[in-house]
Amino acid sequence: MPTRRLLACIGFAATLLHGAPTLAMPISSSYVWTAASGLLPDQVDARMALTDTATPEAPVLSGGVLTIATSSNPEFLFYSQGGTDLVVPATLTIEATMRLGAGSSSQTGTTAPRSYASIVFLTATSVGNALFFGPDRLFLLTGPDNLGPEVIVDTDDAFHDYVIRVSGSTIDVYQDSILVLSGSQFTGGIFSGVDARIAFGDGTLAAQGTSLWTRFAHNASASQVPEPATLFLALAALCGVAGSRGARRRALPPG
């Protein structure tokens, strides 16, 4: 990542930290957002924080659909919840209803593949994976630099319901109640030192495009807003600070 882009990203993270809200009591024991509520994901629960470096784009909620769009690869636009206060159950369940829009990625092969829509999940410090949505394609990773299991399914012609279940190291992905993909969590890489975290949207430096969302939910619980140091560490990893090689500087979004 060019130095000026890295500094801009870190500066943006610092700005977020300076204005981080504080809560006196829990909002909920799990997270459920629907576009039909008329609220943005961070308005339902302030702990689902927005990271937005896109210009001029911002999340748009209209007609019961949340549009997340970026127009150049270096832009980030995603929602993320996590930190030391996020309690992940033995079986983590993440649910989303979404449709992929148009976009492009500069990394579509087997080395550090990325796409402009993803759900990132860390179940413990340094341990996690990401489900990427590509045109008619879903894929997981086997490490930050390696393509994992993938499947060819429709992702962009219609909205689909997705469920991710993570139990131990095993990941199962369902589309419209059908098991379509299985994989495993990995440890380290750009996740090194990052606490439990769940994110969705576009947080990679290697892709740009549009995704449409009508629902996002998970069964992890949180008692308060993440501490600033923890949030900065996570944002730094998303910005690509955690890796020294080029592929590792390309951030996962959606954490």
Protein backbone atom coordinates (compact mmCIF):
# COMPACT_ATOMS: atom_id res chain seq x y z
CA MET A 1 0.00 0.00 0.00
CA PRO A 2 1.42 3.44 -0.84
CA THR A 3 2.54 5.39 2.21
CA ARG A 4 0.03 8.21 1.70
CA ARG A 5 -2.84 5.73 1.42
CA LEU A 6 -1.68 3.93 4.57
CA LEU A 7 -1.39 7.19 6.49
CA ALA A 8 -4.82 8.27 5.32
CA CYS A 9 -6.31 4.98 6.45
CA ILE A 10 -4.66 5.17 9.86
CA GLY A 11 -5.75 8.78 10.20
CA PHE A 12 -9.32 7.76 9.42
CA ALA A 13 -9.11 5.04 12.06
CA ALA A 14 -7.86 7.57 14.60
CA THR A 15 -10.76 9.86 13.76
CA LEU A 16 -13.20 7.06 14.38
CA LEU A 17 -11.57 6.28 17.71
CA HIS A 18 -11.64 9.90 18.84
CA GLY A 19 -15.38 9.98 18.28
CA ALA A 20 -16.19 6.45 19.47
CA PRO A 21 -19.51 6.38 21.35
CA THR A 22 -19.89 4.98 24.85
CA LEU A 23 -22.85 3.00 26.13
CA ALA A 24 -23.99 2.69 29.72
CA MET A 25 -25.71 -0.66 29.23
CA PRO A 26 -26.09 -3.42 26.66
CA ILE A 27 -28.41 -2.81 23.73
CA SER A 28 -29.09 -6.46 22.94
CA SER A 29 -27.72 -9.96 23.47
CA SER A 30 -27.33 -10.50 19.71
CA TYR A 31 -27.50 -8.44 16.55
CA VAL A 32 -30.38 -8.27 14.07
CA TRP A 33 -30.73 -5.65 11.36
CA THR A 34 -33.29 -5.47 8.58
CA ALA A 35 -33.57 -2.84 5.89
CA ALA A 36 -37.33 -2.86 6.44
CA SER A 37 -36.71 -1.18 9.81
CA GLY A 38 -35.77 2.02 7.99
CA LEU A 39 -32.55 2.20 10.03
CA LEU A 40 -28.94 1.76 9.02
CA PRO A 41 -26.98 -1.08 10.66
CA ASP A 42 -25.16 1.25 13.08
CA GLN A 43 -28.46 2.93 14.03
CA VAL A 44 -29.85 -0.41 15.21
CA ASP A 45 -26.80 -0.92 17.44
CA ALA A 46 -23.96 1.61 17.70
CA ARG A 47 -21.46 -1.19 18.21
CA MET A 48 -21.91 -2.21 14.56
CA ALA A 49 -19.63 0.61 13.47
CA LEU A 50 -19.32 1.99 9.95
CA THR A 51 -15.94 2.35 8.27
CA ASP A 52 -16.25 4.57 5.20
CA THR A 53 -13.30 5.93 3.20
CA ALA A 54 -15.24 5.99 -0.07
CA THR A 55 -15.67 9.26 -1.98
CA PRO A 56 -18.36 10.29 -2.62
CA GLU A 57 -20.18 7.07 -1.75
CA ALA A 58 -21.96 6.39 1.54
CA PRO A 59 -24.37 3.64 2.56
CA VAL A 60 -27.76 4.27 0.97
CA LEU A 61 -30.96 2.85 2.44
CA SER A 62 -33.87 3.15 0.02
CA GLY A 63 -36.85 1.03 -0.93
CA GLY A 64 -36.08 -1.56 1.72
CA VAL A 65 -32.53 -2.18 0.42
CA LEU A 66 -29.14 -1.09 1.76
CA THR A 67 -26.66 -0.32 -1.02
CA ILE A 68 -22.95 -0.52 -0.24
CA ALA A 69 -20.86 0.74 -3.14
CA THR A 70 -17.23 1.69 -3.78
CA SER A 71 -15.84 3.18 -6.98
CA SER A 72 -12.11 2.46 -6.65
CA ASN A 73 -10.08 -0.38 -5.19
CA PRO A 74 -8.54 1.49 -2.23
CA GLU A 75 -11.94 2.48 -0.81
CA PHE A 76 -13.42 0.85 2.28
CA LEU A 77 -17.15 0.73 3.04
CA PHE A 78 -18.19 -1.84 5.62
CA TYR A 79 -19.84 -2.40 8.99
CA SER A 80 -17.97 -4.15 11.79
CA GLN A 81 -18.67 -5.24 15.34
CA GLY A 82 -16.12 -6.77 17.67
CA GLY A 83 -13.48 -6.49 20.34
CA THR A 84 -12.72 -8.18 23.63
CA ASP A 85 -16.34 -7.72 24.73
CA LEU A 86 -17.79 -9.69 21.82
CA VAL A 87 -18.73 -13.12 23.17
CA VAL A 88 -18.84 -15.74 20.43
CA PRO A 89 -20.92 -18.86 21.21
CA ALA A 90 -19.71 -22.42 20.59
CA THR A 91 -21.63 -22.37 17.32
CA LEU A 92 -21.55 -18.96 15.68
CA THR A 93 -24.43 -18.33 13.28
CA ILE A 94 -24.41 -15.42 10.85
CA GLU A 95 -27.37 -14.74 8.58
CA ALA A 96 -27.59 -12.37 5.63
CA THR A 97 -29.90 -11.65 2.74
CA MET A 98 -28.08 -9.99 -0.11
CA ARG A 99 -27.55 -9.69 -3.85
CA LEU A 100 -24.27 -8.88 -5.55
CA GLY A 101 -24.20 -5.92 -7.90
CA ALA A 102 -21.69 -4.96 -10.57
CA GLY A 103 -18.01 -4.61 -9.77
CA SER A 104 -14.50 -5.84 -10.41
CA SER A 105 -11.51 -7.30 -8.60
CA SER A 106 -7.83 -7.15 -9.41
CA GLN A 107 -7.27 -10.43 -7.57
CA THR A 108 -9.49 -13.26 -8.81
CA GLY A 109 -7.02 -16.15 -8.99
CA THR A 110 -5.78 -18.57 -6.37
CA THR A 111 -3.34 -16.13 -4.74
CA ALA A 112 -4.93 -13.72 -2.24
CA PRO A 113 -8.32 -13.66 -4.02
CA ARG A 114 -10.66 -10.85 -3.02
CA SER A 115 -14.09 -9.52 -3.98
CA TYR A 116 -16.06 -6.36 -3.29
CA ALA A 117 -18.57 -8.01 -0.97
CA SER A 118 -17.79 -10.30 1.93
CA ILE A 119 -18.64 -11.37 5.45
CA VAL A 120 -15.62 -11.59 7.72
CA PHE A 121 -15.72 -13.44 11.04
CA LEU A 122 -13.15 -13.97 13.78
CA THR A 123 -14.35 -16.32 16.53
CA ALA A 124 -11.32 -15.71 18.75
CA THR A 125 -8.20 -13.57 18.68
CA SER A 126 -6.32 -14.22 15.41
CA VAL A 127 -8.73 -16.99 14.31
CA GLY A 128 -11.26 -16.58 11.52
CA ASN A 129 -12.07 -16.59 7.82
CA ALA A 130 -14.12 -14.69 5.25
CA LEU A 131 -16.91 -15.59 2.87
CA PHE A 132 -16.48 -13.68 -0.39
CA PHE A 133 -19.28 -13.07 -2.87
CA GLY A 134 -18.11 -12.95 -6.47
CA PRO A 135 -20.16 -12.94 -9.66
CA ASP A 136 -21.90 -16.36 -9.57
CA ARG A 137 -19.26 -17.53 -7.11
CA LEU A 138 -18.78 -18.00 -3.36
CA PHE A 139 -15.41 -18.74 -1.82
CA LEU A 140 -13.59 -19.05 1.49
CA LEU A 141 -9.87 -18.80 2.21
CA THR A 142 -7.37 -21.30 3.55
CA GLY A 143 -5.10 -18.48 4.67
CA PRO A 144 -4.74 -14.78 3.88
CA ASP A 145 -2.93 -15.55 0.62
CA ASN A 146 -4.70 -18.71 -0.51
CA LEU A 147 -7.99 -19.52 -2.21
CA GLY A 148 -10.01 -22.05 -0.24
CA PRO A 149 -13.17 -23.97 -1.09
CA GLU A 150 -15.38 -22.35 -3.73
CA VAL A 151 -18.70 -23.04 -5.43
CA ILE A 152 -20.48 -21.76 -8.51
CA VAL A 153 -23.97 -20.51 -7.59
CA ASP A 154 -26.10 -17.52 -8.50
CA THR A 155 -25.15 -14.45 -6.48
CA ASP A 156 -26.22 -11.53 -8.67
CA ASP A 157 -29.53 -12.34 -10.39
CA ALA A 158 -31.65 -12.34 -7.24
CA PHE A 159 -31.51 -11.87 -3.48
CA HIS A 160 -30.52 -15.02 -1.60
CA ASP A 161 -30.56 -15.99 2.07
CA TYR A 162 -27.16 -16.99 3.43
CA VAL A 163 -26.32 -18.72 6.69
CA ILE A 164 -22.76 -19.21 7.96
CA ARG A 165 -22.33 -21.67 10.82
CA VAL A 166 -18.97 -21.90 12.55
CA SER A 167 -18.41 -24.67 15.08
CA GLY A 168 -14.86 -25.21 16.26
CA SER A 169 -12.74 -24.89 13.14
CA THR A 170 -15.50 -26.05 10.78
CA ILE A 171 -17.40 -23.58 8.58
CA ASP A 172 -20.62 -24.46 6.76
CA VAL A 173 -22.24 -22.04 4.32
CA TYR A 174 -25.88 -22.35 3.26
CA GLN A 175 -27.63 -20.57 0.42
CA ASP A 176 -31.42 -20.63 0.59
CA SER A 177 -31.25 -23.45 3.20
CA ILE A 178 -28.99 -25.64 1.02
CA LEU A 179 -25.45 -26.46 2.15
CA VAL A 180 -23.23 -25.19 -0.66
CA LEU A 181 -19.79 -24.75 0.86
CA SER A 182 -17.67 -26.00 3.75
CA GLY A 183 -14.25 -24.96 4.96
CA SER A 184 -12.13 -24.25 8.02
CA GLN A 185 -10.93 -21.28 10.02
CA PHE A 186 -7.28 -20.31 9.88
CA THR A 187 -4.99 -18.59 12.34
CA GLY A 188 -2.74 -15.59 11.92
CA GLY A 189 -1.88 -13.68 8.78
CA ILE A 190 -3.75 -10.38 8.66
CA PHE A 191 -5.88 -11.65 11.55
CA SER A 192 -2.88 -11.75 13.89
CA GLY A 193 -3.69 -9.98 17.15
CA VAL A 194 -7.23 -9.02 16.08
CA ASP A 195 -9.97 -9.87 18.59
CA ALA A 196 -13.28 -11.56 17.80
CA ARG A 197 -15.03 -9.62 15.06
CA ILE A 198 -17.90 -9.80 12.57
CA ALA A 199 -18.06 -7.52 9.52
CA PHE A 200 -19.82 -7.17 6.19
CA GLY A 201 -19.43 -4.97 3.11
CA ASP A 202 -16.33 -3.97 1.13
CA GLY A 203 -13.08 -3.68 3.04
CA THR A 204 -10.50 -4.87 0.53
CA LEU A 205 -7.97 -2.81 -1.40
CA ALA A 206 -8.21 -5.12 -4.40
CA ALA A 207 -11.82 -4.72 -5.53
CA GLN A 208 -14.60 -2.22 -6.11
CA GLY A 209 -18.31 -2.56 -6.69
CA THR A 210 -21.83 -2.71 -5.32
CA SER A 211 -23.64 -5.08 -2.98
CA LEU A 212 -27.27 -4.93 -1.89
CA TRP A 213 -28.39 -6.05 1.58
CA THR A 214 -31.78 -6.45 3.24
CA ARG A 215 -30.85 -8.35 6.40
CA PHE A 216 -27.83 -9.11 8.58
CA ALA A 217 -27.83 -10.95 11.92
CA HIS A 218 -25.58 -12.96 14.22
CA ASN A 219 -25.88 -14.69 17.58
CA ALA A 220 -22.71 -13.35 19.24
CA SER A 221 -23.28 -11.02 22.17
CA ALA A 222 -21.54 -7.87 23.32
CA SER A 223 -21.79 -5.85 26.51
CA GLN A 224 -20.23 -2.55 25.44
CA VAL A 225 -18.44 -0.65 22.71
CA PRO A 226 -14.94 -2.08 21.99
CA GLU A 227 -12.08 -0.34 23.77
CA PRO A 228 -10.31 2.20 21.49
CA ALA A 229 -7.05 0.23 21.43
CA THR A 230 -8.86 -2.92 20.32
CA LEU A 231 -10.84 -1.10 17.66
CA PHE A 232 -7.69 0.58 16.33
CA LEU A 233 -5.92 -2.80 16.09
CA ALA A 234 -8.80 -4.23 14.09
CA LEU A 235 -8.97 -1.22 11.78
CA ALA A 236 -5.20 -1.31 11.31
CA ALA A 237 -5.45 -4.95 10.22
CA LEU A 238 -8.26 -4.07 7.83
CA CYS A 239 -6.12 -1.28 6.42
CA GLY A 240 -3.35 -3.81 5.76
CA VAL A 241 -0.91 -2.75 8.47
CA ALA A 242 -0.62 -6.28 9.82
CA GLY A 243 1.26 -7.71 6.85
CA SER A 244 4.55 -6.87 5.24
CA ARG A 245 4.04 -8.58 1.89
CA GLY A 246 1.92 -7.05 -0.85
CA ALA A 247 -0.80 -9.69 -0.71
CA ARG A 248 -1.11 -9.31 3.04
CA ARG A 249 -1.51 -5.57 2.73
CA ARG A 250 -4.79 -6.15 0.92
CA ALA A 251 -7.27 -5.95 3.73
CA LEU A 252 -10.12 -8.31 4.43
CA PRO A 253 -13.40 -6.47 4.80
CA PRO A 254 -15.23 -7.24 5.79
CA GLY A 255 -12.45 -7.64 8.32
